[in-house]
Each structure stands twice: as structure tokens, then as C-alpha cells.
Amino acid sequence: MAMPNLKCTVDTCHYWGTGNHCAADGIEVNNQSNKAHTSDDTICQTFKPQG
């Protein structure tokens, strides 16, 4: 089931869908450092390459 309110522009991800919607059942986002202060400080663990 798509999460219609979750937008994603990573078009190389397996879960990327039409209209930049994420088609994953859930997402996991973690810190890249101790504390995230910007989006650059995070990383999406749900990413899976297309193919």
C-alpha cells in the first residue's frame, strides 16, 4: 500500500512511484551522526535499488 502523504524524489529507488509517491509499506530513517540537525544528517534505510 502506498503512503500518499510521503513524497520521495529518489527515482532510482525500488519503492519510488508515480507522482513522487513512496510505495513502501513503511520507512526507516536514521541519523548519520549523533544528532540530526538538517536533512543531510539523516539516511533512509528503506532505500532499495531498482531492478
PDB file of N, CA and C in Angstrom:
ATOM      1  N   MET A   1       0.843  -1.176   0.000  1.00  0.00           N
ATOM      2  CA  MET A   1       0.000   0.000   0.000  1.00  0.00           C
ATOM      3  C   MET A   1       0.890   1.242   0.000  1.00  0.00           C
ATOM      4  N   ALA A   2       0.601   2.169  -0.873  1.00  0.00           N
ATOM      5  CA  ALA A   2       1.373   3.405  -0.949  1.00  0.00           C
ATOM      6  C   ALA A   2       1.011   4.328   0.209  1.00  0.00           C
ATOM      7  N   MET A   3       1.976   5.130   0.625  1.00  0.00           N
ATOM      8  CA  MET A   3       1.748   6.149   1.640  1.00  0.00           C
ATOM      9  C   MET A   3       1.578   7.471   0.902  1.00  0.00           C
ATOM     10  N   PRO A   4       0.344   7.879   0.600  1.00  0.00           N
ATOM     11  CA  PRO A   4       0.121   9.026  -0.289  1.00  0.00           C
ATOM     12  C   PRO A   4       0.678  10.348   0.219  1.00  0.00           C
ATOM     13  N   ASN A   5       0.933  10.467   1.504  1.00  0.00           N
ATOM     14  CA  ASN A   5       1.473  11.719   2.034  1.00  0.00           C
ATOM     15  C   ASN A   5       2.988  11.713   2.126  1.00  0.00           C
ATOM     16  N   LEU A   6       3.622  10.619   1.760  1.00  0.00           N
ATOM     17  CA  LEU A   6       5.076  10.523   1.810  1.00  0.00           C
ATOM     18  C   LEU A   6       5.637  10.710   0.415  1.00  0.00           C
ATOM     19  N   LYS A   7       6.278  11.838   0.195  1.00  0.00           N
ATOM     20  CA  LYS A   7       6.864  12.147  -1.106  1.00  0.00           C
ATOM     21  C   LYS A   7       8.319  11.710  -1.146  1.00  0.00           C
ATOM     22  N   CYS A   8       8.761  11.259  -2.293  1.00  0.00           N
ATOM     23  CA  CYS A   8      10.156  10.852  -2.499  1.00  0.00           C
ATOM     24  C   CYS A   8      10.543  11.165  -3.931  1.00  0.00           C
ATOM     25  N   THR A   9      11.679  11.808  -4.118  1.00  0.00           N
ATOM     26  CA  THR A   9      12.147  12.134  -5.463  1.00  0.00           C
ATOM     27  C   THR A   9      13.329  11.266  -5.886  1.00  0.00           C
ATOM     28  N   VAL A  10      13.625  10.207  -5.122  1.00  0.00           N
ATOM     29  CA  VAL A  10      14.737   9.311  -5.454  1.00  0.00           C
ATOM     30  C   VAL A  10      14.228   8.291  -6.473  1.00  0.00           C
ATOM     31  N   ASP A  11      14.294   8.662  -7.754  1.00  0.00           N
ATOM     32  CA  ASP A  11      13.706   7.823  -8.794  1.00  0.00           C
ATOM     33  C   ASP A  11      14.501   6.554  -9.092  1.00  0.00           C
ATOM     34  N   THR A  12      15.607   6.342  -8.414  1.00  0.00           N
ATOM     35  CA  THR A  12      16.375   5.105  -8.562  1.00  0.00           C
ATOM     36  C   THR A  12      16.008   4.083  -7.484  1.00  0.00           C
ATOM     37  N   CYS A  13      15.046   4.415  -6.619  1.00  0.00           N
ATOM     38  CA  CYS A  13      14.623   3.519  -5.541  1.00  0.00           C
ATOM     39  C   CYS A  13      13.514   2.584  -6.034  1.00  0.00           C
ATOM     40  N   HIS A  14      13.560   1.343  -5.596  1.00  0.00           N
ATOM     41  CA  HIS A  14      12.554   0.332  -5.921  1.00  0.00           C
ATOM     42  C   HIS A  14      11.148   0.787  -5.536  1.00  0.00           C
ATOM     43  N   TYR A  15      11.024   1.556  -4.469  1.00  0.00           N
ATOM     44  CA  TYR A  15       9.722   1.970  -3.953  1.00  0.00           C
ATOM     45  C   TYR A  15       9.212   3.290  -4.526  1.00  0.00           C
ATOM     46  N   TRP A  16       9.984   3.926  -5.395  1.00  0.00           N
ATOM     47  CA  TRP A  16       9.584   5.195  -5.989  1.00  0.00           C
ATOM     48  C   TRP A  16       8.401   4.962  -6.904  1.00  0.00           C
ATOM     49  N   GLY A  17       7.360   5.799  -6.785  1.00  0.00           N
ATOM     50  CA  GLY A  17       6.168   5.634  -7.605  1.00  0.00           C
ATOM     51  C   GLY A  17       5.777   6.897  -8.332  1.00  0.00           C
ATOM     52  N   THR A  18       4.802   6.753  -9.204  1.00  0.00           N
ATOM     53  CA  THR A  18       4.282   7.858  -9.999  1.00  0.00           C
ATOM     54  C   THR A  18       3.904   9.043  -9.110  1.00  0.00           C
ATOM     55  N   GLY A  19       4.271  10.215  -9.555  1.00  0.00           N
ATOM     56  CA  GLY A  19       3.961  11.430  -8.803  1.00  0.00           C
ATOM     57  C   GLY A  19       4.843  11.613  -7.582  1.00  0.00           C
ATOM     58  N   ASN A  20       6.008  10.947  -7.569  1.00  0.00           N
ATOM     59  CA  ASN A  20       6.966  11.013  -6.458  1.00  0.00           C
ATOM     60  C   ASN A  20       6.377  10.494  -5.149  1.00  0.00           C
ATOM     61  N   HIS A  21       5.538   9.460  -5.230  1.00  0.00           N
ATOM     62  CA  HIS A  21       4.982   8.831  -4.033  1.00  0.00           C
ATOM     63  C   HIS A  21       5.808   7.605  -3.670  1.00  0.00           C
ATOM     64  N   CYS A  22       6.010   7.383  -2.384  1.00  0.00           N
ATOM     65  CA  CYS A  22       6.732   6.216  -1.893  1.00  0.00           C
ATOM     66  C   CYS A  22       5.747   5.048  -1.794  1.00  0.00           C
ATOM     67  N   ALA A  23       6.093   3.899  -2.387  1.00  0.00           N
ATOM     68  CA  ALA A  23       5.226   2.726  -2.382  1.00  0.00           C
ATOM     69  C   ALA A  23       5.633   1.703  -1.318  1.00  0.00           C
ATOM     70  N   ALA A  24       6.565   2.049  -0.443  1.00  0.00           N
ATOM     71  CA  ALA A  24       6.980   1.133   0.628  1.00  0.00           C
ATOM     72  C   ALA A  24       5.881   1.049   1.689  1.00  0.00           C
ATOM     73  N   ASP A  25       5.782  -0.092   2.355  1.00  0.00           N
ATOM     74  CA  ASP A  25       4.799  -0.263   3.427  1.00  0.00           C
ATOM     75  C   ASP A  25       5.151   0.565   4.651  1.00  0.00           C
ATOM     76  N   GLY A  26       6.414   0.890   4.818  1.00  0.00           N
ATOM     77  CA  GLY A  26       6.895   1.699   5.929  1.00  0.00           C
ATOM     78  C   GLY A  26       8.279   2.206   5.593  1.00  0.00           C
ATOM     79  N   ILE A  27       8.775   3.145   6.364  1.00  0.00           N
ATOM     80  CA  ILE A  27      10.113   3.668   6.132  1.00  0.00           C
ATOM     81  C   ILE A  27      10.912   3.642   7.423  1.00  0.00           C
ATOM     82  N   GLU A  28      12.234   3.614   7.266  1.00  0.00           N
ATOM     83  CA  GLU A  28      13.140   3.729   8.406  1.00  0.00           C
ATOM     84  C   GLU A  28      14.180   4.776   8.058  1.00  0.00           C
ATOM     85  N   VAL A  29      14.255   5.808   8.873  1.00  0.00           N
ATOM     86  CA  VAL A  29      15.219   6.886   8.677  1.00  0.00           C
ATOM     87  C   VAL A  29      16.079   6.965   9.930  1.00  0.00           C
ATOM     88  N   ASN A  30      17.391   6.990   9.742  1.00  0.00           N
ATOM     89  CA  ASN A  30      18.331   7.029  10.857  1.00  0.00           C
ATOM     90  C   ASN A  30      19.238   8.247  10.771  1.00  0.00           C
ATOM     91  N   ASN A  31      19.929   8.521  11.880  1.00  0.00           N
ATOM     92  CA  ASN A  31      20.933   9.577  11.926  1.00  0.00           C
ATOM     93  C   ASN A  31      22.205   9.108  11.231  1.00  0.00           C
ATOM     94  N   GLN A  32      22.875  10.025  10.562  1.00  0.00           N
ATOM     95  CA  GLN A  32      24.208   9.740  10.053  1.00  0.00           C
ATOM     96  C   GLN A  32      25.258  10.124  11.096  1.00  0.00           C
ATOM     97  N   SER A  33      24.876  10.993  12.011  1.00  0.00           N
ATOM     98  CA  SER A  33      25.753  11.407  13.095  1.00  0.00           C
ATOM     99  C   SER A  33      24.967  11.258  14.396  1.00  0.00           C
ATOM    100  N   ASN A  34      25.488  11.741  15.503  1.00  0.00           N
ATOM    101  CA  ASN A  34      24.800  11.594  16.790  1.00  0.00           C
ATOM    102  C   ASN A  34      23.410  12.218  16.807  1.00  0.00           C
ATOM    103  N   LYS A  35      23.291  13.436  16.325  1.00  0.00           N
ATOM    104  CA  LYS A  35      22.002  14.126  16.314  1.00  0.00           C
ATOM    105  C   LYS A  35      21.796  14.794  14.970  1.00  0.00           C
ATOM    106  N   ALA A  36      20.615  14.596  14.406  1.00  0.00           N
ATOM    107  CA  ALA A  36      20.301  15.215  13.127  1.00  0.00           C
ATOM    108  C   ALA A  36      19.831  16.653  13.351  1.00  0.00           C
ATOM    109  N   HIS A  37      20.419  17.566  12.617  1.00  0.00           N
ATOM    110  CA  HIS A  37      20.021  18.970  12.665  1.00  0.00           C
ATOM    111  C   HIS A  37      19.475  19.435  11.321  1.00  0.00           C
ATOM    112  N   THR A  38      19.829  18.714  10.258  1.00  0.00           N
ATOM    113  CA  THR A  38      19.332  19.013   8.917  1.00  0.00           C
ATOM    114  C   THR A  38      19.011  17.691   8.227  1.00  0.00           C
ATOM    115  N   SER A  39      18.331  17.753   7.094  1.00  0.00           N
ATOM    116  CA  SER A  39      18.021  16.529   6.350  1.00  0.00           C
ATOM    117  C   SER A  39      19.292  15.827   5.877  1.00  0.00           C
ATOM    118  N   ASP A  40      20.365  16.575   5.686  1.00  0.00           N
ATOM    119  CA  ASP A  40      21.636  15.971   5.282  1.00  0.00           C
ATOM    120  C   ASP A  40      22.219  15.075   6.371  1.00  0.00           C
ATOM    121  N   ASP A  41      21.761  15.241   7.601  1.00  0.00           N
ATOM    122  CA  ASP A  41      22.246  14.434   8.721  1.00  0.00           C
ATOM    123  C   ASP A  41      21.486  13.119   8.867  1.00  0.00           C
ATOM    124  N   THR A  42      20.572  12.836   7.938  1.00  0.00           N
ATOM    125  CA  THR A  42      19.773  11.616   8.013  1.00  0.00           C
ATOM    126  C   THR A  42      20.055  10.711   6.820  1.00  0.00           C
ATOM    127  N   ILE A  43      19.628   9.464   6.941  1.00  0.00           N
ATOM    128  CA  ILE A  43      19.798   8.500   5.860  1.00  0.00           C
ATOM    129  C   ILE A  43      18.592   7.561   5.859  1.00  0.00           C
ATOM    130  N   CYS A  44      18.044   7.290   4.684  1.00  0.00           N
ATOM    131  CA  CYS A  44      16.878   6.416   4.554  1.00  0.00           C
ATOM    132  C   CYS A  44      17.342   4.973   4.451  1.00  0.00           C
ATOM    133  N   GLN A  45      17.050   4.169   5.449  1.00  0.00           N
ATOM    134  CA  GLN A  45      17.425   2.753   5.458  1.00  0.00           C
ATOM    135  C   GLN A  45      16.482   1.918   4.586  1.00  0.00           C
ATOM    136  N   THR A  46      15.359   2.476   4.174  1.00  0.00           N
ATOM    137  CA  THR A  46      14.386   1.751   3.370  1.00  0.00           C
ATOM    138  C   THR A  46      14.810   1.695   1.910  1.00  0.00           C
ATOM    139  N   PHE A  47      15.723   2.568   1.487  1.00  0.00           N
ATOM    140  CA  PHE A  47      16.143   2.609   0.081  1.00  0.00           C
ATOM    141  C   PHE A  47      16.577   1.232  -0.399  1.00  0.00           C
ATOM    142  N   LYS A  48      16.066   0.854  -1.554  1.00  0.00           N
ATOM    143  CA  LYS A  48      16.438  -0.394  -2.222  1.00  0.00           C
ATOM    144  C   LYS A  48      16.566  -0.060  -3.703  1.00  0.00           C
ATOM    145  N   PRO A  49      17.702  -0.360  -4.331  1.00  0.00           N
ATOM    146  CA  PRO A  49      17.865  -0.013  -5.749  1.00  0.00           C
ATOM    147  C   PRO A  49      16.815  -0.698  -6.630  1.00  0.00           C
ATOM    148  N   GLN A  50      16.440  -0.023  -7.695  1.00  0.00           N
ATOM    149  CA  GLN A  50      15.512  -0.635  -8.659  1.00  0.00           C
ATOM    150  C   GLN A  50      16.199  -1.801  -9.340  1.00  0.00           C
ATOM    151  N   GLY A  51      15.399  -2.727  -9.797  1.00  0.00           N
ATOM    152  CA  GLY A  51      15.967  -3.833 -10.581  1.00  0.00           C
ATOM    153  C   GLY A  51      15.684  -5.175 -10.056  1.00  0.00           C
TER     154      GLY A  51
END
